[in-house]
Every structure is written in structure tokens, then in C-alpha cells.
Amino acid sequence: MEITVINKTKFTLDNRELKVVCNWLEKEINSLPGEVSLVFIADEEISKLNKKFYHRQGVTDVLAFPYENNMAEIFLNPYQHRRQAEEYGNSFPEEVVENILHAFLHLAGYDHTENDDNRHLDRQQEVMNKFKKKTFKPLIAPEK
């Protein structure tokens, strides 16, 4: 899988480590697009996308858009991830990874929004438990 990282925030990203983590996640999930763009954006921008494409108000943590030609775009909000990390008992980098994983599972066909399907969230927890046992370098640092 080819990963492109676009950072429109003040956070410092380790693009190389992000790609390492994404490749590890791909091996755990399978059935992902050949090209994925990870776009890191702030609250205001993700709120606009959430309203425009999902008709939902407010800030969200991640949005995934599959496209034709085996491509996808994932919009990630590290400001929301930082807020959620403490609430969910994750480190900030773990919360970022969990949101990438959540989007990857959507792209692979998992959908927790219909019929209360728990397979998505169960699989997410299973992969995150494996991830937390691995050793990766930090992939995101606080704002400059």
C-alpha cells in the first residue's frame, strides 16, 4: 500500500513511522486500497467535511473516503485525538493509530453504523491489543 501523508496542522509527524505503522495495520486487516492519503486537519476543517458529506454537525476524529481506482483518503483530526486519548485511556499516539485503524476497517468493508454491527469495533479492539504489544517509534509530537 502506498501512503501519502499531508499535514495541515501544527503537530510534528514522523511520516516514515506513520508509513511503518500503516503497513503493519495493512497486514493485520487486508483488503485495503493500494493508495491511501492520510490528511491531518484541524477542528474547523473536519467539521466542514463532516457536515458536507455526512450531514452531521460538529467536530469528529476521523473521516474515510474510498474512491475508484483503488484509492482512498482519510482525514484525521489530531486535536480531537489528543482530547479523546485521556478519555479512552490511550496515549496520544495510540489514539491516532486507533483512528487510522478505524478508518482502515471502514475501507476494508467493516461498518459499525448499520444494524449495530459489532464486528468492526471488535476487530478494532483485537488489532489495537496487538499494536499495544509492539514497539514503534513515536509518530506524532505535540504542536510546535
N, C-alpha and C. Protein backbone atom coordinates (compact mmCIF):
# COMPACT_ATOMS: atom_id res chain seq x y z
N MET A 1 0.85 -1.17 0.00
CA MET A 1 0.00 0.00 0.00
C MET A 1 0.89 1.24 0.00
N GLU A 2 0.55 2.17 -0.85
CA GLU A 2 1.29 3.43 -0.91
C GLU A 2 0.58 4.45 -0.02
N ILE A 3 1.32 5.04 0.90
CA ILE A 3 0.77 6.01 1.85
C ILE A 3 1.34 7.39 1.55
N THR A 4 0.46 8.36 1.45
CA THR A 4 0.86 9.76 1.34
C THR A 4 0.38 10.46 2.60
N VAL A 5 1.25 11.25 3.21
CA VAL A 5 0.90 11.98 4.43
C VAL A 5 0.89 13.47 4.12
N ILE A 6 -0.21 14.11 4.46
CA ILE A 6 -0.35 15.56 4.29
C ILE A 6 -0.70 16.12 5.66
N ASN A 7 0.11 17.04 6.14
CA ASN A 7 -0.09 17.61 7.47
C ASN A 7 -0.45 19.08 7.36
N LYS A 8 -1.71 19.40 7.70
CA LYS A 8 -2.19 20.78 7.69
C LYS A 8 -2.38 21.29 9.12
N THR A 9 -1.63 20.72 10.06
CA THR A 9 -1.72 21.10 11.46
C THR A 9 -0.36 21.57 11.95
N LYS A 10 -0.31 21.94 13.24
CA LYS A 10 0.95 22.35 13.85
C LYS A 10 1.65 21.21 14.57
N PHE A 11 1.08 20.00 14.47
CA PHE A 11 1.72 18.84 15.07
C PHE A 11 2.89 18.40 14.20
N THR A 12 3.88 17.79 14.82
CA THR A 12 5.01 17.25 14.09
C THR A 12 4.76 15.76 13.88
N LEU A 13 4.78 15.34 12.63
CA LEU A 13 4.55 13.94 12.28
C LEU A 13 5.84 13.29 11.82
N ASP A 14 6.02 12.04 12.17
CA ASP A 14 7.10 11.24 11.61
C ASP A 14 6.50 10.42 10.48
N ASN A 15 6.60 10.96 9.27
CA ASN A 15 5.97 10.32 8.10
C ASN A 15 6.47 8.90 7.90
N ARG A 16 7.74 8.69 8.12
CA ARG A 16 8.31 7.34 7.92
C ARG A 16 7.67 6.35 8.90
N GLU A 17 7.56 6.75 10.16
CA GLU A 17 6.98 5.86 11.17
C GLU A 17 5.48 5.66 10.93
N LEU A 18 4.80 6.70 10.48
CA LEU A 18 3.39 6.55 10.12
C LEU A 18 3.22 5.48 9.05
N LYS A 19 4.10 5.49 8.07
CA LYS A 19 4.02 4.50 7.00
C LYS A 19 4.33 3.10 7.51
N VAL A 20 5.29 2.99 8.44
CA VAL A 20 5.61 1.69 9.04
C VAL A 20 4.37 1.14 9.76
N VAL A 21 3.73 1.99 10.56
CA VAL A 21 2.55 1.57 11.30
C VAL A 21 1.42 1.20 10.34
N CYS A 22 1.21 2.01 9.30
CA CYS A 22 0.15 1.71 8.32
C CYS A 22 0.40 0.40 7.60
N ASN A 23 1.65 0.11 7.28
CA ASN A 23 1.96 -1.17 6.63
C ASN A 23 1.72 -2.33 7.58
N TRP A 24 2.02 -2.15 8.86
CA TRP A 24 1.73 -3.20 9.85
C TRP A 24 0.21 -3.40 9.95
N LEU A 25 -0.54 -2.30 10.01
CA LEU A 25 -2.01 -2.40 10.07
C LEU A 25 -2.56 -3.10 8.83
N GLU A 26 -2.00 -2.78 7.67
CA GLU A 26 -2.46 -3.41 6.43
C GLU A 26 -2.33 -4.93 6.49
N LYS A 27 -1.23 -5.41 7.05
CA LYS A 27 -1.03 -6.86 7.17
C LYS A 27 -2.06 -7.49 8.11
N GLU A 28 -2.49 -6.73 9.10
CA GLU A 28 -3.49 -7.23 10.05
C GLU A 28 -4.89 -7.24 9.45
N ILE A 29 -5.16 -6.35 8.52
CA ILE A 29 -6.53 -6.16 8.02
C ILE A 29 -6.75 -6.80 6.66
N ASN A 30 -5.85 -6.57 5.72
CA ASN A 30 -6.02 -6.99 4.31
C ASN A 30 -7.16 -6.19 3.66
N SER A 31 -7.31 -6.36 2.37
CA SER A 31 -8.40 -5.74 1.60
C SER A 31 -8.43 -4.22 1.68
N LEU A 32 -7.26 -3.59 1.69
CA LEU A 32 -7.22 -2.13 1.71
C LEU A 32 -6.86 -1.61 0.33
N PRO A 33 -7.22 -0.34 0.06
CA PRO A 33 -6.86 0.25 -1.23
C PRO A 33 -5.34 0.30 -1.43
N GLY A 34 -4.93 0.36 -2.67
CA GLY A 34 -3.50 0.40 -2.98
C GLY A 34 -2.84 1.72 -2.66
N GLU A 35 -3.63 2.80 -2.67
CA GLU A 35 -3.12 4.13 -2.37
C GLU A 35 -4.02 4.80 -1.34
N VAL A 36 -3.42 5.27 -0.26
CA VAL A 36 -4.18 5.94 0.79
C VAL A 36 -3.46 7.23 1.17
N SER A 37 -4.22 8.31 1.22
CA SER A 37 -3.70 9.59 1.70
C SER A 37 -4.20 9.80 3.12
N LEU A 38 -3.28 10.09 4.02
CA LEU A 38 -3.63 10.47 5.39
C LEU A 38 -3.50 11.98 5.46
N VAL A 39 -4.60 12.66 5.70
CA VAL A 39 -4.62 14.12 5.73
C VAL A 39 -4.95 14.57 7.15
N PHE A 40 -3.99 15.20 7.80
CA PHE A 40 -4.16 15.67 9.17
C PHE A 40 -4.66 17.11 9.13
N ILE A 41 -5.86 17.32 9.71
CA ILE A 41 -6.51 18.64 9.67
C ILE A 41 -7.04 19.01 11.05
N ALA A 42 -7.43 20.27 11.18
CA ALA A 42 -7.91 20.80 12.46
C ALA A 42 -9.44 20.71 12.58
N ASP A 43 -9.92 21.10 13.74
CA ASP A 43 -11.35 21.02 14.07
C ASP A 43 -12.25 21.65 13.02
N GLU A 44 -11.95 22.89 12.65
CA GLU A 44 -12.83 23.62 11.73
C GLU A 44 -12.96 22.92 10.38
N GLU A 45 -11.85 22.46 9.84
CA GLU A 45 -11.89 21.82 8.52
C GLU A 45 -12.63 20.49 8.57
N ILE A 46 -12.39 19.68 9.60
CA ILE A 46 -13.07 18.38 9.66
C ILE A 46 -14.57 18.57 9.95
N SER A 47 -14.91 19.63 10.68
CA SER A 47 -16.33 19.93 10.91
C SER A 47 -17.04 20.23 9.60
N LYS A 48 -16.39 20.99 8.74
CA LYS A 48 -16.97 21.31 7.43
C LYS A 48 -17.16 20.05 6.59
N LEU A 49 -16.16 19.16 6.58
CA LEU A 49 -16.29 17.90 5.82
C LEU A 49 -17.39 17.02 6.40
N ASN A 50 -17.47 16.97 7.72
CA ASN A 50 -18.48 16.16 8.40
C ASN A 50 -19.88 16.64 8.01
N LYS A 51 -20.07 17.94 7.97
CA LYS A 51 -21.37 18.50 7.60
C LYS A 51 -21.67 18.27 6.12
N LYS A 52 -20.69 18.53 5.27
CA LYS A 52 -20.90 18.44 3.82
C LYS A 52 -21.18 17.01 3.36
N PHE A 53 -20.41 16.05 3.85
CA PHE A 53 -20.51 14.69 3.32
C PHE A 53 -21.35 13.74 4.19
N TYR A 54 -21.45 14.00 5.49
CA TYR A 54 -22.19 13.11 6.36
C TYR A 54 -23.42 13.78 6.99
N HIS A 55 -23.59 15.07 6.72
CA HIS A 55 -24.74 15.84 7.21
C HIS A 55 -24.83 15.79 8.74
N ARG A 56 -23.65 15.79 9.39
CA ARG A 56 -23.57 15.80 10.84
C ARG A 56 -22.88 17.08 11.28
N GLN A 57 -23.36 17.64 12.36
CA GLN A 57 -22.78 18.86 12.91
C GLN A 57 -21.63 18.51 13.84
N GLY A 58 -20.61 19.35 13.85
CA GLY A 58 -19.59 19.28 14.87
C GLY A 58 -18.31 18.59 14.46
N VAL A 59 -17.40 18.64 15.41
CA VAL A 59 -16.06 18.09 15.26
C VAL A 59 -16.12 16.57 15.35
N THR A 60 -15.29 15.91 14.56
CA THR A 60 -15.15 14.46 14.65
C THR A 60 -13.67 14.12 14.62
N ASP A 61 -13.36 12.86 14.84
CA ASP A 61 -11.96 12.44 14.93
C ASP A 61 -11.38 11.95 13.61
N VAL A 62 -12.22 11.29 12.79
CA VAL A 62 -11.71 10.70 11.54
C VAL A 62 -12.84 10.55 10.54
N LEU A 63 -12.51 10.77 9.27
CA LEU A 63 -13.44 10.54 8.16
C LEU A 63 -12.68 9.79 7.07
N ALA A 64 -13.30 8.77 6.50
CA ALA A 64 -12.65 7.98 5.44
C ALA A 64 -13.49 8.05 4.17
N PHE A 65 -12.80 8.24 3.06
CA PHE A 65 -13.46 8.34 1.76
C PHE A 65 -12.81 7.38 0.77
N PRO A 66 -13.48 6.29 0.44
CA PRO A 66 -12.96 5.39 -0.61
C PRO A 66 -13.28 5.98 -1.98
N TYR A 67 -12.35 5.84 -2.90
CA TYR A 67 -12.54 6.32 -4.27
C TYR A 67 -12.35 5.17 -5.23
N GLU A 68 -12.73 5.43 -6.47
CA GLU A 68 -12.48 4.43 -7.51
C GLU A 68 -10.97 4.31 -7.73
N ASN A 69 -10.58 3.36 -8.53
CA ASN A 69 -9.16 3.16 -8.87
C ASN A 69 -8.31 2.77 -7.67
N ASN A 70 -8.92 2.08 -6.68
CA ASN A 70 -8.15 1.53 -5.58
C ASN A 70 -7.44 2.60 -4.76
N MET A 71 -8.13 3.72 -4.53
CA MET A 71 -7.57 4.83 -3.77
C MET A 71 -8.52 5.23 -2.65
N ALA A 72 -7.96 5.89 -1.62
CA ALA A 72 -8.78 6.38 -0.51
C ALA A 72 -8.09 7.58 0.13
N GLU A 73 -8.91 8.34 0.83
CA GLU A 73 -8.41 9.49 1.56
C GLU A 73 -8.97 9.41 2.98
N ILE A 74 -8.11 9.59 3.96
CA ILE A 74 -8.52 9.57 5.36
C ILE A 74 -8.16 10.92 5.97
N PHE A 75 -9.16 11.58 6.54
CA PHE A 75 -8.94 12.85 7.22
C PHE A 75 -8.90 12.58 8.71
N LEU A 76 -7.83 13.01 9.35
CA LEU A 76 -7.60 12.76 10.77
C LEU A 76 -7.48 14.09 11.51
N ASN A 77 -8.08 14.15 12.69
CA ASN A 77 -8.06 15.36 13.50
C ASN A 77 -7.27 15.11 14.78
N PRO A 78 -5.97 15.40 14.78
CA PRO A 78 -5.16 15.12 15.97
C PRO A 78 -5.54 15.96 17.19
N TYR A 79 -6.20 17.09 16.99
CA TYR A 79 -6.68 17.89 18.12
C TYR A 79 -7.76 17.11 18.88
N GLN A 80 -8.65 16.47 18.13
CA GLN A 80 -9.67 15.63 18.74
C GLN A 80 -9.05 14.37 19.33
N HIS A 81 -8.07 13.81 18.65
CA HIS A 81 -7.39 12.61 19.17
C HIS A 81 -6.75 12.91 20.52
N ARG A 82 -6.12 14.08 20.63
CA ARG A 82 -5.47 14.45 21.89
C ARG A 82 -6.52 14.57 22.99
N ARG A 83 -7.68 15.14 22.68
CA ARG A 83 -8.75 15.25 23.69
C ARG A 83 -9.28 13.88 24.08
N GLN A 84 -9.43 12.99 23.11
CA GLN A 84 -10.00 11.66 23.36
C GLN A 84 -9.04 10.72 24.07
N ALA A 85 -7.75 10.92 23.89
CA ALA A 85 -6.77 9.97 24.42
C ALA A 85 -6.96 9.74 25.91
N GLU A 86 -7.04 10.80 26.66
CA GLU A 86 -7.21 10.67 28.10
C GLU A 86 -8.55 10.02 28.44
N GLU A 87 -9.59 10.45 27.74
CA GLU A 87 -10.93 9.92 27.98
C GLU A 87 -10.99 8.41 27.77
N TYR A 88 -10.28 7.92 26.74
CA TYR A 88 -10.34 6.50 26.39
C TYR A 88 -9.19 5.68 26.98
N GLY A 89 -8.30 6.32 27.73
CA GLY A 89 -7.20 5.60 28.36
C GLY A 89 -6.09 5.21 27.41
N ASN A 90 -5.93 5.96 26.33
CA ASN A 90 -4.84 5.73 25.37
C ASN A 90 -3.80 6.83 25.49
N SER A 91 -2.61 6.55 25.02
CA SER A 91 -1.65 7.63 24.83
C SER A 91 -2.10 8.40 23.59
N PHE A 92 -1.59 9.59 23.41
CA PHE A 92 -1.95 10.38 22.23
C PHE A 92 -1.58 9.64 20.94
N PRO A 93 -0.35 9.10 20.79
CA PRO A 93 -0.04 8.35 19.57
C PRO A 93 -0.93 7.12 19.37
N GLU A 94 -1.29 6.43 20.46
CA GLU A 94 -2.18 5.28 20.32
C GLU A 94 -3.55 5.71 19.80
N GLU A 95 -4.03 6.84 20.25
CA GLU A 95 -5.33 7.33 19.80
C GLU A 95 -5.29 7.66 18.31
N VAL A 96 -4.17 8.23 17.84
CA VAL A 96 -4.02 8.50 16.41
C VAL A 96 -4.06 7.19 15.63
N VAL A 97 -3.31 6.20 16.09
CA VAL A 97 -3.28 4.89 15.42
C VAL A 97 -4.65 4.25 15.44
N GLU A 98 -5.34 4.33 16.56
CA GLU A 98 -6.68 3.71 16.64
C GLU A 98 -7.63 4.34 15.63
N ASN A 99 -7.49 5.63 15.39
CA ASN A 99 -8.35 6.29 14.40
C ASN A 99 -7.96 5.92 12.98
N ILE A 100 -6.68 5.75 12.71
CA ILE A 100 -6.26 5.26 11.40
C ILE A 100 -6.81 3.85 11.19
N LEU A 101 -6.67 3.01 12.20
CA LEU A 101 -7.20 1.65 12.14
C LEU A 101 -8.71 1.66 11.91
N HIS A 102 -9.42 2.52 12.62
CA HIS A 102 -10.87 2.62 12.46
C HIS A 102 -11.23 2.92 11.00
N ALA A 103 -10.51 3.88 10.41
CA ALA A 103 -10.75 4.23 9.01
C ALA A 103 -10.38 3.09 8.08
N PHE A 104 -9.26 2.42 8.35
CA PHE A 104 -8.85 1.28 7.52
C PHE A 104 -9.93 0.19 7.53
N LEU A 105 -10.50 -0.06 8.70
CA LEU A 105 -11.54 -1.08 8.79
C LEU A 105 -12.77 -0.68 7.97
N HIS A 106 -13.12 0.59 7.98
CA HIS A 106 -14.21 1.06 7.12
C HIS A 106 -13.87 0.80 5.66
N LEU A 107 -12.64 1.13 5.27
CA LEU A 107 -12.23 0.93 3.88
C LEU A 107 -12.20 -0.54 3.49
N ALA A 108 -11.99 -1.41 4.48
CA ALA A 108 -11.96 -2.86 4.22
C ALA A 108 -13.35 -3.48 4.25
N GLY A 109 -14.38 -2.66 4.46
CA GLY A 109 -15.74 -3.17 4.39
C GLY A 109 -16.45 -3.34 5.73
N TYR A 110 -15.78 -3.07 6.83
CA TYR A 110 -16.43 -3.15 8.14
C TYR A 110 -17.29 -1.90 8.31
N ASP A 111 -18.47 -2.07 8.90
CA ASP A 111 -19.35 -0.93 9.10
C ASP A 111 -20.12 -1.10 10.39
N HIS A 112 -19.81 -0.29 11.39
CA HIS A 112 -20.49 -0.37 12.67
C HIS A 112 -21.75 0.47 12.72
N THR A 113 -22.04 1.20 11.64
CA THR A 113 -23.19 2.11 11.66
C THR A 113 -24.50 1.45 11.29
N GLU A 114 -24.45 0.29 10.67
CA GLU A 114 -25.69 -0.36 10.26
C GLU A 114 -25.97 -1.60 11.12
N ASN A 115 -27.19 -1.70 11.57
CA ASN A 115 -27.66 -2.87 12.32
C ASN A 115 -26.83 -3.17 13.56
N ASP A 116 -26.26 -2.14 14.16
CA ASP A 116 -25.44 -2.33 15.36
C ASP A 116 -24.42 -3.45 15.20
N ASP A 117 -23.75 -3.46 14.08
CA ASP A 117 -22.76 -4.49 13.78
C ASP A 117 -21.50 -4.26 14.62
N ASN A 118 -21.24 -5.15 15.54
CA ASN A 118 -20.09 -5.00 16.44
C ASN A 118 -18.80 -5.58 15.88
N ARG A 119 -18.86 -6.22 14.72
CA ARG A 119 -17.64 -6.82 14.16
C ARG A 119 -16.55 -5.78 13.95
N HIS A 120 -16.92 -4.58 13.51
CA HIS A 120 -15.95 -3.51 13.28
C HIS A 120 -15.21 -3.17 14.57
N LEU A 121 -15.97 -2.87 15.61
CA LEU A 121 -15.36 -2.45 16.87
C LEU A 121 -14.63 -3.60 17.56
N ASP A 122 -15.13 -4.82 17.42
CA ASP A 122 -14.44 -5.98 17.97
C ASP A 122 -13.09 -6.18 17.28
N ARG A 123 -13.08 -6.07 15.97
CA ARG A 123 -11.84 -6.23 15.20
C ARG A 123 -10.86 -5.10 15.53
N GLN A 124 -11.39 -3.90 15.69
CA GLN A 124 -10.56 -2.76 16.05
C GLN A 124 -9.86 -3.02 17.39
N GLN A 125 -10.61 -3.49 18.37
CA GLN A 125 -10.03 -3.77 19.69
C GLN A 125 -8.99 -4.87 19.60
N GLU A 126 -9.27 -5.90 18.82
CA GLU A 126 -8.34 -7.01 18.65
C GLU A 126 -7.00 -6.52 18.07
N VAL A 127 -7.07 -5.71 17.02
CA VAL A 127 -5.84 -5.22 16.39
C VAL A 127 -5.12 -4.24 17.31
N MET A 128 -5.86 -3.39 18.01
CA MET A 128 -5.21 -2.45 18.93
C MET A 128 -4.51 -3.17 20.07
N ASN A 129 -5.08 -4.26 20.55
CA ASN A 129 -4.41 -5.04 21.59
C ASN A 129 -3.07 -5.57 21.09
N LYS A 130 -3.02 -6.02 19.85
CA LYS A 130 -1.75 -6.47 19.25
C LYS A 130 -0.79 -5.30 19.09
N PHE A 131 -1.33 -4.16 18.62
CA PHE A 131 -0.49 -2.98 18.41
C PHE A 131 0.19 -2.53 19.70
N LYS A 132 -0.54 -2.55 20.79
CA LYS A 132 0.00 -2.08 22.07
C LYS A 132 1.12 -2.97 22.59
N LYS A 133 1.23 -4.18 22.07
CA LYS A 133 2.32 -5.09 22.45
C LYS A 133 3.55 -4.91 21.57
N LYS A 134 3.41 -4.16 20.48
CA LYS A 134 4.51 -3.92 19.56
C LYS A 134 5.30 -2.70 20.01
N THR A 135 6.50 -2.55 19.45
CA THR A 135 7.31 -1.38 19.73
C THR A 135 7.49 -0.59 18.44
N PHE A 136 6.94 0.60 18.43
CA PHE A 136 7.09 1.52 17.32
C PHE A 136 7.65 2.83 17.86
N LYS A 137 8.31 3.57 17.00
CA LYS A 137 8.81 4.89 17.37
C LYS A 137 7.61 5.84 17.46
N PRO A 138 7.77 6.94 18.21
CA PRO A 138 6.68 7.93 18.25
C PRO A 138 6.38 8.45 16.84
N LEU A 139 5.10 8.57 16.50
CA LEU A 139 4.74 9.00 15.17
C LEU A 139 4.14 10.39 15.12
N ILE A 140 3.87 10.97 16.30
CA ILE A 140 3.32 12.33 16.35
C ILE A 140 3.84 13.02 17.60
N ALA A 141 4.11 14.29 17.47
CA ALA A 141 4.58 15.09 18.62
C ALA A 141 3.65 16.30 18.79
N PRO A 142 3.63 16.84 19.99
CA PRO A 142 2.76 17.99 20.24
C PRO A 142 3.05 19.15 19.31
N GLU A 143 2.11 20.08 19.32
CA GLU A 143 2.24 21.26 18.47
C GLU A 143 3.56 21.99 18.71
N LYS A 144 4.03 22.61 17.65
CA LYS A 144 5.28 23.39 17.73
C LYS A 144 5.04 24.67 18.50
